[in-house]
Each structure stands twice: as C-alpha cells, then as structure tokens.
Amino acid sequence: MMNTLTRMLYEGGYSCVIAHGAEIRTFTQRGITDLYDLLRHDASFLKEALVADKVVGKAAAALMILGQIKLLHTNVISQPALSLLQEAGIEVQSGRIVPFIKNRTQTDWCPLEKISYPLCSANEIFQAIEEFIRTNKNQSGNPDTMK
C-alpha cells in the first residue's frame, strides 16, 4: 500500500497522500494546512492511517502524532521531527534526514520548524501552530499562510 501512496504522491504532484483502510485521499495545499485541517475536522481519518508526504518538519510530525497515524513515508524529514515521531512509536520510512526544514526560499528555517524546535510535546507544538495561524490570519487576512 505504501508503494501506491508514494507513487501517487510524486506522479500526481500532491503535497500529501493519506490512506485510511481502503480510502485514499490526496492533498495539495502548502505546508501543514491539509494535516491541520484534517486533524481539526476529520481526525478519525488520521487514526492508524498511512501517510506519504514529501517534506516533514516537527510541526507536521506533531499533527501526525495527535492524529495517531500508523506509518509515515517521507523523502525529507528533520531530525527533530524524526525523534518526536519515534518517541511516539510511529514507524517512519525516510530518505534524507536533515537538521531542520528550510523555508521556501531556502534562506532560513521554515517558520513552523523554528517555532516548534524548542518545544517537547505534540500538544505544545499544536498550541504554537494555532497561535501562528491566528497571528497570520490577523496580519494577512489569509489563513493559507501556514508555511
């Protein structure tokens, strides 16, 4: 099944592909938007799910932990994200392990990676994500600025 998900991820140009039982959903939003929305509005779909994602930082890892996924396959994962997932007992298949996830312009850390880096638990990180979203909504009026 994971081979199917990873093939779909790259061939379809998706940001994330998730399977819960026989149901497979594809996602296209940037950053953690889809994981966050899924956790908030359809968390049962994440429970015991298989996830294929291109890049996973600590914030995305926290959302996956809170959603209680079963298995993650990713091409790139930050060491803090990998550690958090392993501590939660989630199986991870990864390509490259990097010290941190960079922002889109490759000039600095991803904002959510920077925010979540010093935090220890998925719940703490979730609270920081929500604060980040509130702040960005207030500043831009656009909630799609999560990474």
C-alpha atoms as a PDB file:
ATOM      1  CA  MET A   1       0.000   0.000   0.000  1.00  0.00           C
ATOM      2  CA  MET A   2       2.792   2.462   0.867  1.00  0.00           C
ATOM      3  CA  ASN A   3       4.297   1.991  -2.618  1.00  0.00           C
ATOM      4  CA  THR A   4       0.954   3.019  -4.109  1.00  0.00           C
ATOM      5  CA  LEU A   5       0.782   6.112  -1.909  1.00  0.00           C
ATOM      6  CA  THR A   6       4.325   7.257  -2.698  1.00  0.00           C
ATOM      7  CA  ARG A   7       3.787   6.697  -6.419  1.00  0.00           C
ATOM      8  CA  MET A   8       0.584   8.768  -6.243  1.00  0.00           C
ATOM      9  CA  LEU A   9       2.397  11.465  -4.255  1.00  0.00           C
ATOM     10  CA  TYR A  10       5.001  12.072  -6.940  1.00  0.00           C
ATOM     11  CA  GLU A  11       3.093  11.215 -10.106  1.00  0.00           C
ATOM     12  CA  GLY A  12       0.099  13.316  -9.055  1.00  0.00           C
ATOM     13  CA  GLY A  13       2.164  16.231  -7.810  1.00  0.00           C
ATOM     14  CA  TYR A  14       0.397  16.137  -4.452  1.00  0.00           C
ATOM     15  CA  SER A  15       1.758  17.534  -1.211  1.00  0.00           C
ATOM     16  CA  CYS A  16       0.450  14.602   0.810  1.00  0.00           C
ATOM     17  CA  VAL A  17      -1.382  11.299   0.254  1.00  0.00           C
ATOM     18  CA  ILE A  18      -3.126   9.534   3.130  1.00  0.00           C
ATOM     19  CA  ALA A  19      -4.778   6.128   3.290  1.00  0.00           C
ATOM     20  CA  HIS A  20      -7.189   5.039   5.996  1.00  0.00           C
ATOM     21  CA  GLY A  21      -8.220   1.472   5.307  1.00  0.00           C
ATOM     22  CA  ALA A  22      -9.203   1.261   1.645  1.00  0.00           C
ATOM     23  CA  GLU A  23      -9.916   5.003   1.328  1.00  0.00           C
ATOM     24  CA  ILE A  24      -7.126   7.147  -0.154  1.00  0.00           C
ATOM     25  CA  ARG A  25      -7.209  10.944  -0.107  1.00  0.00           C
ATOM     26  CA  THR A  26      -4.842  13.313  -1.888  1.00  0.00           C
ATOM     27  CA  PHE A  27      -3.928  16.815  -0.744  1.00  0.00           C
ATOM     28  CA  THR A  28      -2.456  19.837  -2.486  1.00  0.00           C
ATOM     29  CA  GLN A  29      -2.244  22.733  -0.044  1.00  0.00           C
ATOM     30  CA  ARG A  30       1.094  24.088   1.094  1.00  0.00           C
ATOM     31  CA  GLY A  31       2.836  23.399   4.357  1.00  0.00           C
ATOM     32  CA  ILE A  32       0.853  21.826   7.166  1.00  0.00           C
ATOM     33  CA  THR A  33      -2.504  23.214   6.036  1.00  0.00           C
ATOM     34  CA  ASP A  34      -4.037  19.890   4.986  1.00  0.00           C
ATOM     35  CA  LEU A  35      -2.843  17.983   8.053  1.00  0.00           C
ATOM     36  CA  TYR A  36      -4.073  20.743  10.339  1.00  0.00           C
ATOM     37  CA  ASP A  37      -7.485  20.891   8.635  1.00  0.00           C
ATOM     38  CA  LEU A  38      -7.808  17.107   8.712  1.00  0.00           C
ATOM     39  CA  LEU A  39      -6.914  16.925  12.398  1.00  0.00           C
ATOM     40  CA  ARG A  40      -9.412  19.674  13.216  1.00  0.00           C
ATOM     41  CA  HIS A  41     -12.317  18.445  11.092  1.00  0.00           C
ATOM     42  CA  ASP A  42     -11.857  14.706  10.389  1.00  0.00           C
ATOM     43  CA  ALA A  43      -9.348  13.359  12.905  1.00  0.00           C
ATOM     44  CA  SER A  44     -10.759   9.838  12.706  1.00  0.00           C
ATOM     45  CA  PHE A  45      -9.384   9.588   9.146  1.00  0.00           C
ATOM     46  CA  LEU A  46      -5.847  10.022  10.500  1.00  0.00           C
ATOM     47  CA  LYS A  47      -6.117   7.318  13.172  1.00  0.00           C
ATOM     48  CA  GLU A  48      -3.965   4.340  12.099  1.00  0.00           C
ATOM     49  CA  ALA A  49      -3.514   5.953   8.654  1.00  0.00           C
ATOM     50  CA  LEU A  50      -0.607   5.522   6.282  1.00  0.00           C
ATOM     51  CA  VAL A  51       0.881   8.855   5.198  1.00  0.00           C
ATOM     52  CA  ALA A  52       3.132   9.730   2.279  1.00  0.00           C
ATOM     53  CA  ASP A  53       4.478  13.283   2.459  1.00  0.00           C
ATOM     54  CA  LYS A  54       7.362  14.958   0.641  1.00  0.00           C
ATOM     55  CA  VAL A  55       8.838  17.012   3.496  1.00  0.00           C
ATOM     56  CA  VAL A  56       8.119  16.615   7.213  1.00  0.00           C
ATOM     57  CA  GLY A  57       9.205  19.036   9.905  1.00  0.00           C
ATOM     58  CA  LYS A  58       8.488  18.977  13.601  1.00  0.00           C
ATOM     59  CA  ALA A  59       5.137  20.795  13.317  1.00  0.00           C
ATOM     60  CA  ALA A  60       3.800  18.292  10.765  1.00  0.00           C
ATOM     61  CA  ALA A  61       5.136  15.447  12.914  1.00  0.00           C
ATOM     62  CA  ALA A  62       3.200  16.789  15.913  1.00  0.00           C
ATOM     63  CA  LEU A  63      -0.028  16.863  13.891  1.00  0.00           C
ATOM     64  CA  MET A  64       0.565  13.280  12.765  1.00  0.00           C
ATOM     65  CA  ILE A  65       1.166  12.201  16.358  1.00  0.00           C
ATOM     66  CA  LEU A  66      -2.012  13.880  17.557  1.00  0.00           C
ATOM     67  CA  GLY A  67      -3.868  12.219  14.685  1.00  0.00           C
ATOM     68  CA  GLN A  68      -2.385   8.861  15.739  1.00  0.00           C
ATOM     69  CA  ILE A  69      -1.108   7.828  12.317  1.00  0.00           C
ATOM     70  CA  LYS A  70       0.441   4.388  11.940  1.00  0.00           C
ATOM     71  CA  LEU A  71       3.172   4.844   9.314  1.00  0.00           C
ATOM     72  CA  LEU A  72       4.888   7.757   7.559  1.00  0.00           C
ATOM     73  CA  HIS A  73       6.921   7.682   4.379  1.00  0.00           C
ATOM     74  CA  THR A  74       8.746  10.898   3.515  1.00  0.00           C
ATOM     75  CA  ASN A  75      11.553  11.950   1.249  1.00  0.00           C
ATOM     76  CA  VAL A  76      12.937  14.566   3.674  1.00  0.00           C
ATOM     77  CA  ILE A  77      12.458  14.755   7.440  1.00  0.00           C
ATOM     78  CA  SER A  78      14.087  16.929  10.067  1.00  0.00           C
ATOM     79  CA  GLN A  79      15.908  15.185  12.893  1.00  0.00           C
ATOM     80  CA  PRO A  80      13.620  16.823  15.496  1.00  0.00           C
ATOM     81  CA  ALA A  81      10.550  15.539  13.602  1.00  0.00           C
ATOM     82  CA  LEU A  82      12.003  12.040  13.339  1.00  0.00           C
ATOM     83  CA  SER A  83      12.818  11.963  17.053  1.00  0.00           C
ATOM     84  CA  LEU A  84       9.329  13.153  18.006  1.00  0.00           C
ATOM     85  CA  LEU A  85       7.670  10.518  15.808  1.00  0.00           C
ATOM     86  CA  GLN A  86       9.925   7.739  17.086  1.00  0.00           C
ATOM     87  CA  GLU A  87       9.225   8.725  20.706  1.00  0.00           C
ATOM     88  CA  ALA A  88       5.512   8.413  19.903  1.00  0.00           C
ATOM     89  CA  GLY A  89       6.052   4.932  18.474  1.00  0.00           C
ATOM     90  CA  ILE A  90       5.203   5.865  14.889  1.00  0.00           C
ATOM     91  CA  GLU A  91       7.061   3.972  12.185  1.00  0.00           C
ATOM     92  CA  VAL A  92       8.954   6.234   9.774  1.00  0.00           C
ATOM     93  CA  GLN A  93      10.433   5.446   6.381  1.00  0.00           C
ATOM     94  CA  SER A  94      12.563   8.343   5.199  1.00  0.00           C
ATOM     95  CA  GLY A  95      15.019   9.334   2.557  1.00  0.00           C
ATOM     96  CA  ARG A  96      17.129  12.222   3.816  1.00  0.00           C
ATOM     97  CA  ILE A  97      17.335  13.285   7.440  1.00  0.00           C
ATOM     98  CA  VAL A  98      18.224  16.968   7.776  1.00  0.00           C
ATOM     99  CA  PRO A  99      18.963  19.102  10.858  1.00  0.00           C
ATOM    100  CA  PHE A 100      15.939  21.347  10.140  1.00  0.00           C
ATOM    101  CA  ILE A 101      13.479  22.195   7.373  1.00  0.00           C
ATOM    102  CA  LYS A 102      14.271  25.337   5.404  1.00  0.00           C
ATOM    103  CA  ASN A 103      11.782  27.954   4.299  1.00  0.00           C
ATOM    104  CA  ARG A 104      10.554  28.096   0.700  1.00  0.00           C
ATOM    105  CA  THR A 105      13.321  30.483  -0.403  1.00  0.00           C
ATOM    106  CA  GLN A 106      15.978  28.312   1.295  1.00  0.00           C
ATOM    107  CA  THR A 107      17.274  31.379   3.170  1.00  0.00           C
ATOM    108  CA  ASP A 108      16.265  30.464   6.734  1.00  0.00           C
ATOM    109  CA  TRP A 109      14.382  27.908   8.794  1.00  0.00           C
ATOM    110  CA  CYS A 110      10.758  27.132   7.969  1.00  0.00           C
ATOM    111  CA  PRO A 111       8.795  29.391  10.341  1.00  0.00           C
ATOM    112  CA  LEU A 112       6.933  26.485  11.938  1.00  0.00           C
ATOM    113  CA  GLU A 113      10.113  24.447  12.294  1.00  0.00           C
ATOM    114  CA  LYS A 114      11.676  27.406  14.106  1.00  0.00           C
ATOM    115  CA  ILE A 115       8.662  27.826  16.382  1.00  0.00           C
ATOM    116  CA  SER A 116       8.371  24.124  17.220  1.00  0.00           C
ATOM    117  CA  TYR A 117      12.090  23.400  17.575  1.00  0.00           C
ATOM    118  CA  PRO A 118      12.404  24.157  21.325  1.00  0.00           C
ATOM    119  CA  LEU A 119       9.066  22.535  22.219  1.00  0.00           C
ATOM    120  CA  CYS A 120       8.930  18.999  23.575  1.00  0.00           C
ATOM    121  CA  SER A 121       5.407  17.670  23.140  1.00  0.00           C
ATOM    122  CA  ALA A 122       2.928  17.384  20.284  1.00  0.00           C
ATOM    123  CA  ASN A 123       0.366  19.277  22.381  1.00  0.00           C
ATOM    124  CA  GLU A 124       2.751  22.197  22.974  1.00  0.00           C
ATOM    125  CA  ILE A 125       3.534  22.307  19.264  1.00  0.00           C
ATOM    126  CA  PHE A 126      -0.170  22.209  18.370  1.00  0.00           C
ATOM    127  CA  GLN A 127      -0.792  25.239  20.606  1.00  0.00           C
ATOM    128  CA  ALA A 128       2.113  27.062  18.915  1.00  0.00           C
ATOM    129  CA  ILE A 129       0.697  26.194  15.477  1.00  0.00           C
ATOM    130  CA  GLU A 130      -2.694  27.591  16.447  1.00  0.00           C
ATOM    131  CA  GLU A 131      -1.084  30.804  17.704  1.00  0.00           C
ATOM    132  CA  PHE A 132       0.924  31.055  14.467  1.00  0.00           C
ATOM    133  CA  ILE A 133      -2.259  30.640  12.417  1.00  0.00           C
ATOM    134  CA  ARG A 134      -4.156  33.240  14.475  1.00  0.00           C
ATOM    135  CA  THR A 135      -1.302  35.712  14.110  1.00  0.00           C
ATOM    136  CA  ASN A 136      -1.041  35.187  10.349  1.00  0.00           C
ATOM    137  CA  LYS A 137      -4.804  35.453   9.852  1.00  0.00           C
ATOM    138  CA  ASN A 138      -4.800  38.731  11.734  1.00  0.00           C
ATOM    139  CA  GLN A 139      -1.860  40.086   9.750  1.00  0.00           C
ATOM    140  CA  SER A 140      -2.844  38.972   6.271  1.00  0.00           C
ATOM    141  CA  GLY A 141      -6.498  38.061   6.424  1.00  0.00           C
ATOM    142  CA  ASN A 142      -5.469  34.860   4.622  1.00  0.00           C
ATOM    143  CA  PRO A 143      -5.352  31.613   6.614  1.00  0.00           C
ATOM    144  CA  ASP A 144      -3.331  29.884   3.871  1.00  0.00           C
ATOM    145  CA  THR A 145      -0.013  31.205   5.146  1.00  0.00           C
ATOM    146  CA  MET A 146       0.962  28.300   7.309  1.00  0.00           C
ATOM    147  CA  LYS A 147       4.431  27.734   5.949  1.00  0.00           C
END
